[in-house]
Amino acid sequence: MSEYHTPVLLNESVSALITDLSGTYADATFGGGGHTAGILSRLNPDGKVIAFDRDTDALKNKPDDDRLVLIHNNFRFIENYVLAEGHKDGIDGVLADLGVSSHQFDTADRGFSFRYDAPLDMRMNNAGGETAADLVNTRSAEEIEKILRIYGEVENSRKVAGLIVAARTKSPIQTTGQLDEAIAPAMPKFQEHKTLAKVYQAFRIEVNQEMRSLEKFLEGATASLRPGGRLVVITYHSLEDRMVKNFIKAGNVEGEIKKDVFGNVIAPLAAVNRKPILPSEEEISSNTRARSAKLRIAEKVEDR
């Protein structure tokens, strides 16, 4: 399990999640199963976990525990499955770790990392759908520039997009190495790796429709909670953290505040921690992928 992915903020997230040792909880991002194992280890024999993952590799990490139901699907459909499992009155908590697993980064042929020359894939569900190679070879320069600018915050996004389009006119870009070579002239000196990481992040987010899935997940997870149930989310970059923060504050990812006739904010959640919980220096030193993590906790309010 630890070789597949080391769970981030494990104790902090599980402690924040569990309010009833005999309750039912969802791990929306099963991955290596670390957070699920942490939840199960604290629950009573009549507790239950419903876990989700769209990566077929993650399904191999399922432990032999009758209290766990593992669903092979996108977490954006959480509400449907919670209802299908018979929890019409809601469950006690939902946890989501939005980071890409170490396994996905470290498996060369998945194409998530510029550290390996591999097929340009980046799909979290590699059973079908658009790959990163499809994206860079078919989207217009304007579309690619927008993806890089919004999802990767790439400063010279227009130049990078132009280099990609120019390179593909000579030969299709099929591998990570070909992509790296195509955009090399746009990489700032001494910041090549940092900029490449932003480019890969942007394409990964678009290929997997991560921002759209996150919005649907936040809506579905909130609808799946009973009053008093907890939503616990670990984010890794500013875009997703802003969406989670806004949703907790206002009930929508744009952060648009709506009030009733008495001036009370209409939102289904209330923040438990006003500021995000960050990993300790000790955790970061043992797991560098935890360095950008932020943990936000919210509680479902009683229906007004």
Protein backbone atom coordinates (compact mmCIF):
# COMPACT_ATOMS: atom_id res chain seq x y z
CA MET A 1 0.00 0.00 0.00
CA SER A 2 2.74 2.47 0.96
CA GLU A 3 4.57 1.64 -2.29
CA TYR A 4 1.44 2.54 -4.27
CA HIS A 5 0.80 5.82 -2.45
CA THR A 6 1.61 7.30 0.95
CA PRO A 7 -1.57 8.88 2.38
CA VAL A 8 -1.20 12.57 3.20
CA LEU A 9 -2.47 14.12 6.46
CA LEU A 10 -3.77 10.68 7.42
CA ASN A 11 -4.35 11.16 11.14
CA GLU A 12 -5.64 14.71 10.77
CA SER A 13 -8.15 13.85 8.03
CA VAL A 14 -9.47 10.63 9.58
CA SER A 15 -9.79 12.22 13.02
CA ALA A 16 -11.76 15.11 11.51
CA LEU A 17 -13.99 12.76 9.51
CA ILE A 18 -15.21 10.26 12.11
CA THR A 19 -17.94 11.41 14.48
CA ASP A 20 -19.66 8.05 14.98
CA LEU A 21 -17.63 4.84 15.33
CA SER A 22 -20.57 2.84 13.99
CA GLY A 23 -21.27 5.24 11.14
CA THR A 24 -20.99 5.02 7.37
CA TYR A 25 -18.29 6.99 5.56
CA ALA A 26 -17.12 7.46 1.99
CA ASP A 27 -13.52 7.60 0.78
CA ALA A 28 -14.04 9.30 -2.57
CA THR A 29 -10.46 8.73 -3.74
CA PHE A 30 -9.43 5.20 -2.71
CA GLY A 31 -6.05 5.04 -4.49
CA GLY A 32 -3.67 2.94 -2.43
CA GLY A 33 -6.30 2.51 0.25
CA GLY A 34 -4.36 4.35 2.95
CA HIS A 35 -7.14 6.66 4.07
CA THR A 36 -9.72 3.87 3.82
CA ALA A 37 -7.53 1.65 6.03
CA GLY A 38 -7.22 4.50 8.51
CA ILE A 39 -11.00 4.88 8.67
CA LEU A 40 -11.66 1.13 8.99
CA SER A 41 -9.08 0.80 11.76
CA ARG A 42 -11.11 3.17 13.94
CA LEU A 43 -14.63 1.97 13.16
CA ASN A 44 -16.63 -0.55 15.12
CA PRO A 45 -17.55 -3.88 13.48
CA ASP A 46 -20.87 -2.37 12.35
CA GLY A 47 -19.22 0.65 10.71
CA LYS A 48 -18.98 0.88 6.92
CA VAL A 49 -16.92 2.54 4.20
CA ILE A 50 -17.97 3.17 0.60
CA ALA A 51 -14.88 3.91 -1.50
CA PHE A 52 -14.49 5.14 -5.08
CA ASP A 53 -11.74 5.06 -7.69
CA ARG A 54 -11.82 5.20 -11.48
CA ASP A 55 -8.31 3.75 -11.89
CA THR A 56 -8.38 -0.01 -12.45
CA ASP A 57 -4.92 -0.28 -10.84
CA ALA A 58 -6.36 1.02 -7.55
CA LEU A 59 -8.92 -1.78 -7.36
CA LYS A 60 -6.09 -4.24 -6.71
CA ASN A 61 -5.50 -2.57 -3.34
CA LYS A 62 -8.87 -3.58 -1.90
CA PRO A 63 -8.45 -5.17 1.54
CA ASP A 64 -10.38 -8.23 2.65
CA ASP A 65 -12.88 -6.42 4.88
CA ASP A 66 -16.64 -6.93 4.71
CA ARG A 67 -17.18 -3.37 5.94
CA LEU A 68 -15.83 -1.96 2.67
CA VAL A 69 -17.68 -1.51 -0.62
CA LEU A 70 -15.27 -0.43 -3.41
CA ILE A 71 -16.86 1.17 -6.47
CA HIS A 72 -15.04 1.48 -9.79
CA ASN A 73 -16.29 4.87 -10.93
CA ASN A 74 -15.69 8.61 -10.82
CA PHE A 75 -16.39 10.24 -7.45
CA ARG A 76 -18.64 12.75 -9.20
CA PHE A 77 -21.38 10.08 -9.03
CA ILE A 78 -21.14 9.67 -5.26
CA GLU A 79 -24.74 10.66 -4.55
CA ASN A 80 -26.13 7.98 -6.88
CA TYR A 81 -24.10 5.23 -5.24
CA VAL A 82 -24.79 6.36 -1.68
CA LEU A 83 -28.50 6.11 -2.47
CA ALA A 84 -28.01 2.77 -4.23
CA GLU A 85 -26.33 1.43 -1.07
CA GLY A 86 -29.51 2.28 0.84
CA HIS A 87 -28.46 5.44 2.67
CA LYS A 88 -31.40 7.68 1.78
CA ASP A 89 -31.03 9.63 5.05
CA GLY A 90 -27.38 10.38 4.33
CA ILE A 91 -24.01 9.13 5.54
CA ASP A 92 -21.78 10.40 8.35
CA GLY A 93 -18.82 11.70 6.38
CA VAL A 94 -17.01 11.98 3.07
CA LEU A 95 -13.24 12.22 2.63
CA ALA A 96 -11.43 13.10 -0.62
CA ASP A 97 -7.68 13.34 -1.24
CA LEU A 98 -7.48 15.17 -4.57
CA GLY A 99 -3.84 14.40 -5.28
CA VAL A 100 -2.61 12.15 -8.07
CA SER A 101 -1.29 8.93 -6.54
CA SER A 102 2.43 8.21 -6.39
CA HIS A 103 1.73 5.05 -8.38
CA GLN A 104 0.31 7.05 -11.28
CA PHE A 105 3.30 9.41 -11.31
CA ASP A 106 5.82 6.60 -10.95
CA THR A 107 4.34 4.21 -13.52
CA ALA A 108 6.11 5.36 -16.66
CA ASP A 109 3.61 4.14 -19.24
CA ARG A 110 0.78 6.16 -17.65
CA GLY A 111 2.39 9.33 -19.05
CA PHE A 112 1.79 11.49 -15.98
CA SER A 113 5.41 12.55 -15.53
CA PHE A 114 8.03 14.24 -17.67
CA ARG A 115 10.65 12.15 -15.84
CA TYR A 116 10.05 9.26 -18.24
CA ASP A 117 9.83 9.04 -22.02
CA ALA A 118 6.50 7.26 -22.33
CA PRO A 119 3.19 7.35 -24.21
CA LEU A 120 1.46 10.69 -23.61
CA ASP A 121 -1.59 9.31 -21.82
CA MET A 122 -2.44 10.90 -18.42
CA ARG A 123 -5.87 9.25 -18.08
CA MET A 124 -6.81 8.29 -14.54
CA ASN A 125 -9.18 5.74 -16.05
CA ASN A 126 -7.02 4.23 -18.76
CA ALA A 127 -9.85 2.08 -20.07
CA GLY A 128 -11.03 4.77 -22.49
CA GLY A 129 -11.46 8.43 -23.29
CA GLU A 130 -9.25 11.22 -24.60
CA THR A 131 -5.53 10.99 -23.91
CA ALA A 132 -3.09 13.86 -23.55
CA ALA A 133 -1.74 12.90 -26.98
CA ASP A 134 -5.23 13.33 -28.43
CA LEU A 135 -5.46 16.72 -26.77
CA VAL A 136 -2.17 18.18 -27.99
CA ASN A 137 -2.68 16.86 -31.52
CA THR A 138 -6.27 17.98 -32.09
CA ARG A 139 -7.06 21.05 -30.01
CA SER A 140 -6.58 24.52 -31.49
CA ALA A 141 -3.74 26.77 -30.36
CA GLU A 142 -6.31 28.95 -28.59
CA GLU A 143 -7.75 26.01 -26.67
CA ILE A 144 -4.31 24.73 -25.66
CA GLU A 145 -3.25 28.21 -24.55
CA LYS A 146 -6.37 28.55 -22.38
CA ILE A 147 -5.82 25.13 -20.77
CA LEU A 148 -2.21 26.00 -19.96
CA ARG A 149 -3.09 29.43 -18.61
CA ILE A 150 -6.07 28.46 -16.47
CA TYR A 151 -5.18 24.97 -15.25
CA GLY A 152 -1.39 25.29 -15.11
CA GLU A 153 -0.95 29.03 -14.62
CA VAL A 154 1.83 28.78 -17.22
CA GLU A 155 3.21 32.29 -17.70
CA ASN A 156 4.22 31.91 -21.35
CA SER A 157 1.22 29.78 -22.26
CA ARG A 158 0.78 31.33 -25.72
CA LYS A 159 4.35 30.53 -26.73
CA VAL A 160 4.07 26.96 -25.41
CA ALA A 161 0.82 26.41 -27.31
CA GLY A 162 2.36 27.78 -30.49
CA LEU A 163 5.34 25.44 -30.22
CA ILE A 164 3.03 22.45 -29.75
CA VAL A 165 0.98 23.30 -32.82
CA ALA A 166 4.12 23.91 -34.89
CA ALA A 167 5.65 20.59 -33.81
CA ARG A 168 2.57 18.52 -34.58
CA THR A 169 2.42 19.80 -38.16
CA LYS A 170 5.70 17.95 -38.76
CA SER A 171 4.83 14.80 -36.82
CA PRO A 172 2.18 13.84 -34.24
CA ILE A 173 3.23 14.29 -30.62
CA GLN A 174 2.78 10.81 -29.13
CA THR A 175 5.19 10.64 -26.18
CA THR A 176 6.21 12.71 -23.19
CA GLY A 177 9.68 13.01 -24.68
CA GLN A 178 8.30 14.47 -27.91
CA LEU A 179 6.21 16.96 -25.94
CA ASP A 180 9.20 17.99 -23.82
CA GLU A 181 11.32 18.46 -26.94
CA ALA A 182 8.63 20.49 -28.70
CA ILE A 183 8.23 23.01 -25.87
CA ALA A 184 11.89 23.13 -24.77
CA PRO A 185 12.50 26.60 -26.35
CA ALA A 186 9.81 28.05 -24.06
CA MET A 187 11.22 26.63 -20.81
CA PRO A 188 12.73 29.38 -18.61
CA LYS A 189 16.36 28.80 -17.74
CA PHE A 190 16.85 27.14 -14.34
CA GLN A 191 13.05 26.65 -14.05
CA GLU A 192 12.54 23.97 -16.68
CA HIS A 193 11.20 21.33 -14.28
CA LYS A 194 8.88 23.74 -12.50
CA THR A 195 7.37 24.92 -15.79
CA LEU A 196 7.11 21.39 -17.19
CA ALA A 197 5.25 20.37 -14.03
CA LYS A 198 2.74 23.16 -14.66
CA VAL A 199 2.28 22.09 -18.29
CA TYR A 200 1.70 18.46 -17.32
CA GLN A 201 -0.67 19.49 -14.54
CA ALA A 202 -2.74 21.54 -16.98
CA PHE A 203 -3.07 18.74 -19.52
CA ARG A 204 -3.81 16.15 -16.82
CA ILE A 205 -6.60 18.30 -15.39
CA GLU A 206 -8.18 18.75 -18.82
CA VAL A 207 -7.83 15.10 -19.88
CA ASN A 208 -9.51 13.92 -16.68
CA GLN A 209 -12.03 16.79 -16.48
CA GLU A 210 -10.87 17.26 -12.90
CA MET A 211 -12.40 20.65 -12.20
CA ARG A 212 -15.80 19.64 -13.59
CA SER A 213 -15.68 16.37 -11.64
CA LEU A 214 -14.71 18.23 -8.47
CA GLU A 215 -17.68 20.56 -8.74
CA LYS A 216 -20.07 17.65 -9.27
CA PHE A 217 -18.43 15.76 -6.42
CA LEU A 218 -18.81 18.66 -3.98
CA GLU A 219 -22.49 18.92 -4.85
CA GLY A 220 -23.05 15.16 -4.63
CA ALA A 221 -21.03 14.70 -1.45
CA THR A 222 -22.93 17.47 0.29
CA ALA A 223 -26.26 15.99 -0.79
CA SER A 224 -25.08 12.59 0.50
CA LEU A 225 -24.34 13.81 4.04
CA ARG A 226 -26.76 13.68 6.92
CA PRO A 227 -27.08 16.89 8.99
CA GLY A 228 -23.95 17.04 11.13
CA GLY A 229 -22.00 14.85 8.69
CA ARG A 230 -18.45 15.88 7.80
CA LEU A 231 -16.85 16.76 4.45
CA VAL A 232 -13.05 16.47 4.60
CA VAL A 233 -11.03 17.44 1.52
CA ILE A 234 -7.28 17.52 0.88
CA THR A 235 -6.23 19.78 -2.00
CA TYR A 236 -2.86 20.31 -3.70
CA HIS A 237 -3.10 23.37 -5.91
CA SER A 238 -4.75 26.77 -5.80
CA LEU A 239 -7.51 26.09 -8.33
CA GLU A 240 -9.05 23.15 -6.51
CA ASP A 241 -8.47 24.66 -3.08
CA ARG A 242 -10.29 27.82 -4.13
CA MET A 243 -13.22 25.74 -5.39
CA VAL A 244 -13.45 23.78 -2.14
CA LYS A 245 -13.12 26.92 -0.01
CA ASN A 246 -15.81 28.71 -2.03
CA PHE A 247 -18.16 25.74 -1.88
CA ILE A 248 -17.86 25.49 1.88
CA LYS A 249 -18.47 29.22 2.21
CA ALA A 250 -21.28 29.66 -0.29
CA GLY A 251 -22.51 26.31 -1.57
CA ASN A 252 -21.09 26.91 -5.06
CA VAL A 253 -17.57 26.86 -6.52
CA GLU A 254 -17.80 30.48 -7.65
CA GLY A 255 -18.21 31.64 -4.06
CA GLU A 256 -21.36 33.66 -4.84
CA ILE A 257 -23.04 34.40 -1.52
CA LYS A 258 -26.82 34.03 -1.43
CA LYS A 259 -28.92 35.22 1.52
CA ASP A 260 -32.44 34.67 2.73
CA VAL A 261 -34.91 37.49 3.49
CA PHE A 262 -33.39 37.84 6.96
CA GLY A 263 -29.87 38.30 5.62
CA ASN A 264 -28.61 34.83 6.59
CA VAL A 265 -26.19 33.16 4.19
CA ILE A 266 -27.81 30.22 2.42
CA ALA A 267 -25.19 27.46 2.31
CA PRO A 268 -25.43 23.74 3.08
CA LEU A 269 -22.08 23.55 4.86
CA ALA A 270 -20.33 25.32 7.71
CA ALA A 271 -16.54 25.45 7.96
CA VAL A 272 -15.04 23.59 10.90
CA ASN A 273 -11.56 25.04 10.37
CA ARG A 274 -11.35 28.63 9.11
CA LYS A 275 -7.77 28.13 7.94
CA PRO A 276 -6.59 24.97 6.20
CA ILE A 277 -4.60 22.40 8.14
CA LEU A 278 -1.12 21.93 6.68
CA PRO A 279 1.28 18.97 6.88
CA SER A 280 3.96 19.08 9.54
CA GLU A 281 7.59 19.63 8.60
CA GLU A 282 8.21 16.02 9.67
CA GLU A 283 5.59 14.70 7.23
CA ILE A 284 6.91 16.85 4.38
CA SER A 285 10.46 15.63 4.99
CA SER A 286 9.32 12.00 4.75
CA ASN A 287 6.89 12.57 1.86
CA THR A 288 7.73 15.56 -0.33
CA ARG A 289 4.44 15.22 -2.24
CA ALA A 290 2.68 16.43 0.92
CA ARG A 291 4.31 19.86 0.78
CA SER A 292 1.46 21.62 -1.06
CA ALA A 293 -1.41 19.81 0.70
CA LYS A 294 -4.20 21.72 2.46
CA LEU A 295 -6.93 20.10 4.54
CA ARG A 296 -10.36 21.72 4.79
CA ILE A 297 -13.19 20.44 6.98
CA ALA A 298 -16.88 21.31 6.83
CA GLU A 299 -20.07 20.09 8.47
CA LYS A 300 -23.51 19.69 6.93
CA VAL A 301 -25.94 22.14 8.55
CA GLU A 302 -29.52 21.37 9.46
CA ASP A 303 -31.96 22.09 6.64
CA ARG A 304 -33.49 25.49 7.07
